[in-house]
Amino acid sequence: DNLLKRVSKDGTHLLLLEDGETWVKTLQSKGALPTASIFHPQKTWVGHNYFVREHPFFDDLPVNGGMNWEYQRLVVYDGINHFGLYNVSSDNEEAVVSLVGGNSHLIATSVGIIPYGRGKIVYSALDLSPNLSLKVKASGVPKKIFCNILNWAAKEPSNPTLDRTGWIATASHSREAPERTLDNSLDTRWTSGIYQTGAREWFQMDMLEPQTFNRILLKQGTTGTEDYPRGYELYLSDDETNWGEPVLTGAGTEGEATVIELPEAKTNRYIRLVQTGTSPDKWWSIHEFGIESDAITGTRESSVKENVSIYYKDGQLGIREASIPFTVKIYSLSGQLLQSVAGSQPAVSLRLATGIYIVAVENLEGVYRQKILVN
């Protein structure tokens, strides 16, 4: 449970690279992974193939086709020891390696990525770990994949949308249920069921405990792009009684989402949006509700040019393509500020223990953030 909390709350990525099927079943029993059917290839190779697509896991390796001789240490058809997931009860699974076969020619996922709260869970049915200690030439590919996955885990941003498990949505008016804003589907929605006449209808979210955020997302999907609030007042509270004055006023935007940016991060338990605008023929609808935080994990990309990169070697933190001067801030994965150093050269002297860190480079162009692995 503590491990899953690190994934969900802190944005740590969990890698299931050995005994994957057992781990998948364990995490399914805890609700961390979606339900799915499990397919095992037959011991004969006939009719079963692995296909790999382009992905950082397979950098510098053949991709976008069947696994050929280069993957000879991994393409093993020994029945129960290998598996793939199909009929996955989630639209958020990202398949990297697929296993195709069976009498029905089904397609299963043998290497996949599934979001869990702020982090991601990677599962693999490939024989990576048994090859790490081998010195034969063919084991070089499994070792390369293993290193690629670790590198991806160090750099891959956490999901900036905070975990919504157990949150409670309510509203003053409802034609469709408020909890539909938390079901991870843009095909469902909450809607007020009344035209926007300035009646001050409201939508409220109880996040169970105070959360730090500086952005609120009201996703309107592709069918409710015109059902945005013509005007709103944003209220925050920690006891659902004392709301005070609105911390922000504004108007929604037509399109797939209304994004409410706060001028500074707030930490509160309750969020209430009051609709103040008018539209003679449009209801107010929200398909998915979420909040994001740049304050803790800094995972949302900034306006700094995309080719900025950060690396760490021999006590030196190198920053490529960032305008000088800048400030470097080092955070733990839980968001604790560890160091802050001003820089006027492309490299900064820092001593970091082994681990994964979030590095934020701030200059006049904005903020660039990246995870680094120190080993």
Protein backbone atom coordinates (compact mmCIF):
# COMPACT_ATOMS: atom_id res chain seq x y z
CA ASP A 1 0.00 0.00 0.00
CA ASN A 2 2.86 2.41 0.75
CA LEU A 3 4.37 1.58 -2.63
CA LEU A 4 1.11 2.37 -4.43
CA LYS A 5 0.79 5.60 -2.45
CA ARG A 6 4.18 6.70 -3.78
CA VAL A 7 2.96 6.06 -7.32
CA SER A 8 -0.44 7.67 -6.86
CA LYS A 9 0.47 10.65 -4.67
CA ASP A 10 4.14 11.37 -5.45
CA GLY A 11 4.22 10.52 -9.15
CA THR A 12 6.78 7.70 -8.86
CA HIS A 13 6.76 5.27 -11.79
CA LEU A 14 6.50 1.58 -10.81
CA LEU A 15 8.37 -0.89 -13.06
CA LEU A 16 7.20 -4.53 -13.05
CA LEU A 17 10.05 -6.12 -14.99
CA GLU A 18 10.29 -9.53 -13.32
CA ASP A 19 7.51 -11.99 -12.49
CA GLY A 20 5.20 -9.55 -14.23
CA GLU A 21 2.07 -11.69 -14.30
CA THR A 22 2.12 -12.23 -10.52
CA TRP A 23 2.57 -8.51 -9.93
CA VAL A 24 -0.20 -7.65 -12.38
CA LYS A 25 -2.65 -9.94 -10.59
CA THR A 26 -1.63 -8.54 -7.19
CA LEU A 27 -2.13 -4.95 -8.29
CA GLN A 28 -5.43 -5.81 -9.96
CA SER A 29 -6.65 -7.20 -6.63
CA LYS A 30 -5.81 -3.84 -5.04
CA GLY A 31 -7.54 -1.86 -7.77
CA ALA A 32 -4.31 -0.30 -9.03
CA LEU A 33 -4.52 -1.97 -12.45
CA PRO A 34 -7.66 -2.47 -14.55
CA THR A 35 -9.21 -5.90 -14.96
CA ALA A 36 -8.13 -7.82 -18.06
CA SER A 37 -7.99 -11.28 -19.59
CA ILE A 38 -4.61 -13.03 -19.72
CA PHE A 39 -3.34 -14.77 -22.84
CA HIS A 40 -0.44 -17.25 -22.88
CA PRO A 41 1.29 -18.11 -26.17
CA GLN A 42 1.51 -21.73 -27.15
CA LYS A 43 4.83 -23.50 -26.82
CA THR A 44 5.05 -23.76 -30.59
CA TRP A 45 6.01 -20.52 -32.34
CA VAL A 46 3.56 -21.09 -35.20
CA GLY A 47 0.86 -18.41 -35.28
CA HIS A 48 2.28 -16.23 -32.49
CA ASN A 49 4.36 -13.10 -32.96
CA TYR A 50 5.60 -10.14 -30.92
CA PHE A 51 5.34 -6.68 -32.45
CA VAL A 52 7.12 -3.61 -31.10
CA ARG A 53 6.36 0.03 -31.85
CA GLU A 54 8.56 3.09 -31.61
CA HIS A 55 8.97 4.08 -27.98
CA PRO A 56 11.79 5.29 -25.68
CA PHE A 57 11.93 1.75 -24.23
CA PHE A 58 13.36 0.68 -27.61
CA ASP A 59 15.60 3.60 -28.51
CA ASP A 60 18.34 2.59 -30.98
CA LEU A 61 16.65 -0.77 -31.63
CA PRO A 62 14.50 -2.03 -34.54
CA VAL A 63 10.87 -0.93 -34.07
CA ASN A 64 7.50 -0.67 -35.84
CA GLY A 65 7.39 -4.30 -36.87
CA GLY A 66 7.74 -7.85 -35.69
CA MET A 67 10.56 -8.73 -33.30
CA ASN A 68 13.26 -10.29 -35.46
CA TRP A 69 16.59 -11.97 -34.75
CA GLU A 70 17.83 -8.98 -32.76
CA TYR A 71 15.36 -9.94 -30.03
CA GLN A 72 16.25 -13.65 -29.99
CA ARG A 73 16.80 -13.65 -26.21
CA LEU A 74 13.29 -12.26 -25.66
CA VAL A 75 11.10 -13.89 -28.28
CA VAL A 76 10.51 -17.13 -26.39
CA TYR A 77 7.24 -19.05 -26.70
CA ASP A 78 7.05 -21.17 -23.59
CA GLY A 79 3.41 -20.98 -22.65
CA ILE A 80 2.62 -20.09 -19.06
CA ASN A 81 5.92 -18.23 -18.51
CA HIS A 82 4.92 -15.43 -20.89
CA PHE A 83 1.68 -13.51 -21.13
CA GLY A 84 -0.25 -10.66 -22.67
CA LEU A 85 -3.27 -8.70 -21.44
CA TYR A 86 -6.39 -8.21 -23.54
CA ASN A 87 -9.95 -7.01 -22.89
CA VAL A 88 -8.35 -4.38 -20.65
CA SER A 89 -11.07 -2.40 -18.84
CA SER A 90 -9.37 0.96 -19.41
CA ASP A 91 -8.94 3.37 -22.29
CA ASN A 92 -5.68 4.65 -20.82
CA GLU A 93 -3.43 1.65 -21.44
CA GLU A 94 -0.44 2.41 -23.66
CA ALA A 95 0.74 -0.71 -25.49
CA VAL A 96 4.44 -0.87 -26.38
CA VAL A 97 4.88 -4.56 -27.27
CA SER A 98 1.94 -6.62 -28.53
CA LEU A 99 1.56 -10.37 -28.68
CA VAL A 100 -0.54 -11.50 -31.64
CA GLY A 101 -1.85 -15.01 -32.07
CA GLY A 102 -4.30 -17.68 -31.02
CA ASN A 103 -7.09 -19.25 -33.02
CA SER A 104 -8.98 -15.95 -32.92
CA HIS A 105 -5.85 -13.93 -33.80
CA LEU A 106 -6.33 -11.80 -30.71
CA ILE A 107 -3.97 -8.96 -29.85
CA ALA A 108 -2.64 -8.78 -26.29
CA THR A 109 -0.20 -6.37 -24.63
CA SER A 110 3.05 -7.84 -23.32
CA VAL A 111 4.71 -4.53 -22.44
CA GLY A 112 2.32 -1.79 -21.40
CA ILE A 113 2.03 1.45 -19.44
CA ILE A 114 -1.02 2.34 -17.35
CA PRO A 115 -1.47 5.63 -15.45
CA TYR A 116 -2.14 5.35 -11.73
CA GLY A 117 -2.82 8.63 -10.00
CA ARG A 118 0.12 10.91 -10.62
CA GLY A 119 2.47 8.10 -11.64
CA LYS A 120 2.52 5.25 -14.11
CA ILE A 121 2.81 1.47 -13.84
CA VAL A 122 4.91 -0.38 -16.42
CA TYR A 123 4.48 -4.13 -16.80
CA SER A 124 6.58 -6.42 -18.96
CA ALA A 125 6.41 -10.09 -19.94
CA LEU A 126 9.82 -9.99 -21.61
CA ASP A 127 12.77 -11.91 -20.13
CA LEU A 128 14.82 -8.87 -19.20
CA SER A 129 16.21 -9.67 -15.75
CA PRO A 130 17.51 -13.22 -16.57
CA ASN A 131 19.69 -11.68 -19.30
CA LEU A 132 21.30 -8.97 -17.19
CA SER A 133 23.99 -11.24 -15.76
CA LEU A 134 24.76 -13.04 -19.04
CA LYS A 135 27.87 -12.22 -21.08
CA VAL A 136 26.70 -13.60 -24.42
CA LYS A 137 26.41 -11.12 -27.27
CA ALA A 138 22.67 -11.64 -27.76
CA SER A 139 21.99 -10.46 -24.20
CA GLY A 140 23.01 -6.95 -25.21
CA VAL A 141 19.52 -6.15 -26.49
CA PRO A 142 17.71 -7.06 -23.22
CA LYS A 143 20.31 -5.02 -21.32
CA LYS A 144 19.75 -2.09 -23.66
CA ILE A 145 15.97 -2.26 -23.15
CA PHE A 146 16.42 -2.47 -19.38
CA CYS A 147 18.59 0.68 -19.38
CA ASN A 148 16.16 2.45 -21.71
CA ILE A 149 13.28 1.76 -19.33
CA LEU A 150 15.25 3.10 -16.35
CA ASN A 151 16.18 6.19 -18.35
CA TRP A 152 12.51 6.70 -19.33
CA ALA A 153 11.43 6.37 -15.68
CA ALA A 154 13.94 9.03 -14.65
CA LYS A 155 12.84 11.52 -17.31
CA GLU A 156 9.15 10.78 -17.85
CA PRO A 157 7.05 13.56 -16.26
CA SER A 158 4.55 12.57 -13.61
CA ASN A 159 0.92 13.13 -14.39
CA PRO A 160 0.27 16.69 -13.16
CA THR A 161 -3.40 15.94 -12.52
CA LEU A 162 -3.75 15.00 -8.85
CA ASP A 163 -5.22 11.67 -7.81
CA ARG A 164 -9.03 11.90 -7.48
CA THR A 165 -9.72 8.60 -5.73
CA GLY A 166 -12.69 8.95 -3.36
CA TRP A 167 -13.45 12.56 -4.22
CA ILE A 168 -17.08 13.66 -3.84
CA ALA A 169 -18.78 15.90 -6.39
CA THR A 170 -22.04 17.74 -5.62
CA ALA A 171 -24.05 20.46 -7.34
CA SER A 172 -27.00 22.76 -6.72
CA HIS A 173 -28.74 21.56 -9.90
CA SER A 174 -28.28 18.25 -11.67
CA ARG A 175 -29.84 16.75 -14.77
CA GLU A 176 -27.04 14.17 -14.81
CA ALA A 177 -25.05 13.03 -11.75
CA PRO A 178 -22.06 15.14 -10.54
CA GLU A 179 -19.97 12.02 -9.90
CA ARG A 180 -19.76 11.53 -13.66
CA THR A 181 -17.06 14.20 -13.63
CA LEU A 182 -14.81 11.63 -11.89
CA ASP A 183 -15.40 8.50 -13.98
CA ASN A 184 -12.45 8.97 -16.38
CA SER A 185 -14.74 9.16 -19.40
CA LEU A 186 -15.35 12.13 -21.67
CA ASP A 187 -18.47 10.38 -22.96
CA THR A 188 -20.34 11.05 -19.70
CA ARG A 189 -20.99 14.34 -17.96
CA TRP A 190 -22.60 16.31 -15.18
CA THR A 191 -24.98 18.93 -16.45
CA SER A 192 -27.06 21.49 -14.60
CA GLY A 193 -30.20 20.87 -16.65
CA ILE A 194 -31.10 24.57 -16.61
CA TYR A 195 -30.20 27.41 -18.93
CA GLN A 196 -27.57 29.83 -17.71
CA THR A 197 -29.67 32.72 -16.43
CA GLY A 198 -27.44 34.02 -13.65
CA ALA A 199 -29.22 31.91 -11.03
CA ARG A 200 -25.84 31.24 -9.34
CA GLU A 201 -25.99 27.49 -9.77
CA TRP A 202 -22.87 25.86 -8.34
CA PHE A 203 -20.64 22.82 -8.70
CA GLN A 204 -18.53 21.64 -5.77
CA MET A 205 -15.68 19.15 -5.24
CA ASP A 206 -14.69 17.66 -1.89
CA MET A 207 -11.10 16.39 -2.25
CA LEU A 208 -11.22 14.67 1.18
CA GLU A 209 -8.05 16.40 2.37
CA PRO A 210 -6.31 19.68 1.53
CA GLN A 211 -4.62 19.54 -1.87
CA THR A 212 -2.13 21.98 -3.36
CA PHE A 213 -3.01 23.18 -6.85
CA ASN A 214 -2.75 26.15 -9.13
CA ARG A 215 -4.89 25.01 -12.04
CA ILE A 216 -8.45 23.69 -12.38
CA LEU A 217 -9.55 21.74 -15.45
CA LEU A 218 -13.17 21.60 -16.56
CA LYS A 219 -13.13 19.19 -19.49
CA GLN A 220 -16.04 19.67 -21.87
CA GLY A 221 -15.27 16.82 -24.29
CA THR A 222 -16.15 17.07 -27.95
CA THR A 223 -19.93 17.07 -27.50
CA GLY A 224 -20.21 19.75 -24.82
CA THR A 225 -17.87 22.39 -26.23
CA GLU A 226 -20.57 25.08 -25.98
CA ASP A 227 -21.74 24.18 -22.46
CA TYR A 228 -19.03 26.19 -20.74
CA PRO A 229 -19.81 28.63 -17.88
CA ARG A 230 -20.42 32.11 -19.27
CA GLY A 231 -19.14 33.51 -16.01
CA TYR A 232 -17.87 32.03 -12.76
CA GLU A 233 -16.74 32.82 -9.25
CA LEU A 234 -14.23 30.46 -7.64
CA TYR A 235 -14.48 29.81 -3.89
CA LEU A 236 -12.19 27.70 -1.69
CA SER A 237 -12.74 26.30 1.80
CA ASP A 238 -11.37 23.80 4.31
CA ASP A 239 -14.62 23.19 6.22
CA GLU A 240 -17.43 23.56 3.62
CA THR A 241 -18.86 26.39 5.73
CA ASN A 242 -16.51 29.35 5.54
CA TRP A 243 -16.06 30.28 1.88
CA GLY A 244 -15.13 33.93 2.15
CA GLU A 245 -14.80 36.07 -0.95
CA PRO A 246 -14.19 34.55 -4.39
CA VAL A 247 -10.48 33.99 -5.00
CA LEU A 248 -10.98 34.39 -8.74
CA THR A 249 -13.65 35.45 -11.22
CA GLY A 250 -13.74 34.86 -14.94
CA ALA A 251 -15.52 33.19 -17.82
CA GLY A 252 -15.20 29.76 -19.36
CA THR A 253 -14.02 29.10 -22.91
CA GLU A 254 -15.67 27.30 -25.79
CA GLY A 255 -13.87 24.12 -26.77
CA GLU A 256 -12.79 20.88 -25.19
CA ALA A 257 -11.82 22.40 -21.82
CA THR A 258 -12.04 25.45 -19.61
CA VAL A 259 -8.70 25.90 -17.84
CA ILE A 260 -8.72 28.10 -14.74
CA GLU A 261 -5.23 29.34 -13.89
CA LEU A 262 -4.71 30.64 -10.35
CA PRO A 263 -2.17 33.44 -9.90
CA GLU A 264 -0.57 31.45 -7.07
CA ALA A 265 -0.85 27.94 -5.65
CA LYS A 266 -3.62 27.26 -3.14
CA THR A 267 -4.01 24.48 -0.59
CA ASN A 268 -7.63 23.67 0.28
CA ARG A 269 -10.02 20.75 0.62
CA TYR A 270 -13.16 22.14 -1.05
CA ILE A 271 -13.58 23.85 -4.42
CA ARG A 272 -16.85 25.53 -5.40
CA LEU A 273 -17.56 27.15 -8.77
CA VAL A 274 -20.59 29.43 -8.98
CA GLN A 275 -21.98 30.10 -12.47
CA THR A 276 -22.75 33.81 -12.87
CA GLY A 277 -23.13 34.31 -16.61
CA THR A 278 -26.09 34.06 -18.95
CA SER A 279 -26.87 32.00 -22.05
CA PRO A 280 -30.47 31.69 -23.23
CA ASP A 281 -30.11 28.20 -24.67
CA LYS A 282 -27.09 26.48 -23.05
CA TRP A 283 -26.77 24.42 -19.91
CA TRP A 284 -23.56 24.23 -17.89
CA SER A 285 -21.81 20.86 -18.25
CA ILE A 286 -18.56 19.29 -17.05
CA HIS A 287 -17.40 15.96 -18.51
CA GLU A 288 -14.28 15.56 -16.33
CA PHE A 289 -13.00 17.64 -13.40
CA GLY A 290 -9.37 17.81 -12.36
CA ILE A 291 -6.74 19.95 -10.70
CA GLU A 292 -3.04 20.32 -11.44
CA SER A 293 -0.08 21.44 -9.38
CA ASP A 294 3.13 22.97 -10.62
CA ALA A 295 4.06 23.94 -7.06
CA ILE A 296 4.99 20.48 -5.79
CA THR A 297 6.28 18.33 -8.60
CA GLY A 298 6.81 20.87 -11.34
CA THR A 299 5.90 18.38 -14.02
CA ARG A 300 4.02 20.66 -16.37
CA GLU A 301 6.26 21.84 -19.22
CA SER A 302 6.93 25.55 -19.52
CA SER A 303 7.52 27.99 -22.33
CA VAL A 304 11.28 27.36 -22.39
CA LYS A 305 12.38 26.06 -25.79
CA GLU A 306 11.99 22.30 -26.11
CA ASN A 307 15.64 21.43 -26.83
CA VAL A 308 16.79 22.37 -23.34
CA SER A 309 18.26 19.27 -21.70
CA ILE A 310 19.70 18.43 -18.29
CA TYR A 311 22.25 15.78 -17.40
CA TYR A 312 24.37 14.87 -14.36
CA LYS A 313 27.89 13.42 -14.41
CA ASP A 314 30.83 13.40 -11.97
CA GLY A 315 29.36 16.03 -9.67
CA GLN A 316 28.44 18.40 -12.50
CA LEU A 317 24.89 19.26 -13.52
CA GLY A 318 24.96 20.22 -17.17
CA ILE A 319 22.26 22.38 -18.77
CA ARG A 320 22.21 22.57 -22.55
CA GLU A 321 20.51 25.33 -24.56
CA ALA A 322 19.24 27.30 -21.54
CA SER A 323 19.67 31.05 -21.50
CA ILE A 324 22.09 32.37 -18.88
CA PRO A 325 21.78 33.37 -16.06
CA PHE A 326 19.48 30.84 -14.46
CA THR A 327 18.59 29.31 -11.11
CA VAL A 328 18.69 25.55 -10.58
CA LYS A 329 16.38 23.99 -7.99
CA ILE A 330 16.63 20.33 -7.01
CA TYR A 331 13.53 18.59 -5.65
CA SER A 332 12.88 15.11 -4.30
CA LEU A 333 10.11 13.12 -5.96
CA SER A 334 7.84 14.03 -3.04
CA GLY A 335 8.33 17.72 -3.84
CA GLN A 336 10.83 18.68 -1.09
CA LEU A 337 13.25 21.41 -2.16
CA LEU A 338 16.76 20.04 -1.58
CA GLN A 339 19.06 22.62 -3.16
CA SER A 340 18.86 25.96 -4.96
CA VAL A 341 21.88 27.27 -6.88
CA ALA A 342 22.39 30.28 -9.16
CA GLY A 343 24.15 29.46 -12.42
CA SER A 344 26.06 31.58 -14.90
CA GLN A 345 27.79 28.74 -16.77
CA PRO A 346 26.39 25.73 -18.70
CA ALA A 347 27.49 23.46 -15.83
CA VAL A 348 26.84 23.72 -12.08
CA SER A 349 28.75 21.84 -9.38
CA LEU A 350 26.36 19.75 -7.28
CA ARG A 351 26.79 16.69 -5.12
CA LEU A 352 23.79 14.38 -5.35
CA ALA A 353 23.32 10.97 -3.76
CA THR A 354 22.10 8.05 -5.84
CA GLY A 355 18.43 8.46 -6.70
CA ILE A 356 15.91 10.20 -8.94
CA TYR A 357 15.44 13.96 -8.70
CA ILE A 358 13.32 16.68 -10.25
CA VAL A 359 15.48 19.53 -11.59
CA ALA A 360 13.93 22.92 -12.33
CA VAL A 361 15.89 25.46 -14.38
CA GLU A 362 14.42 28.96 -14.09
CA ASN A 363 15.42 31.91 -16.26
CA LEU A 364 13.83 34.86 -18.03
CA GLU A 365 12.23 32.52 -20.58
CA GLY A 366 10.35 30.56 -17.93
CA VAL A 367 10.93 27.24 -16.18
CA TYR A 368 12.14 23.94 -17.61
CA ARG A 369 11.74 20.79 -15.52
CA GLN A 370 13.16 17.33 -15.99
CA LYS A 371 13.75 14.22 -13.92
CA ILE A 372 17.31 12.92 -13.71
CA LEU A 373 18.71 9.59 -12.54
CA VAL A 374 21.91 9.70 -10.46
CA ASN A 375 23.65 6.34 -10.16
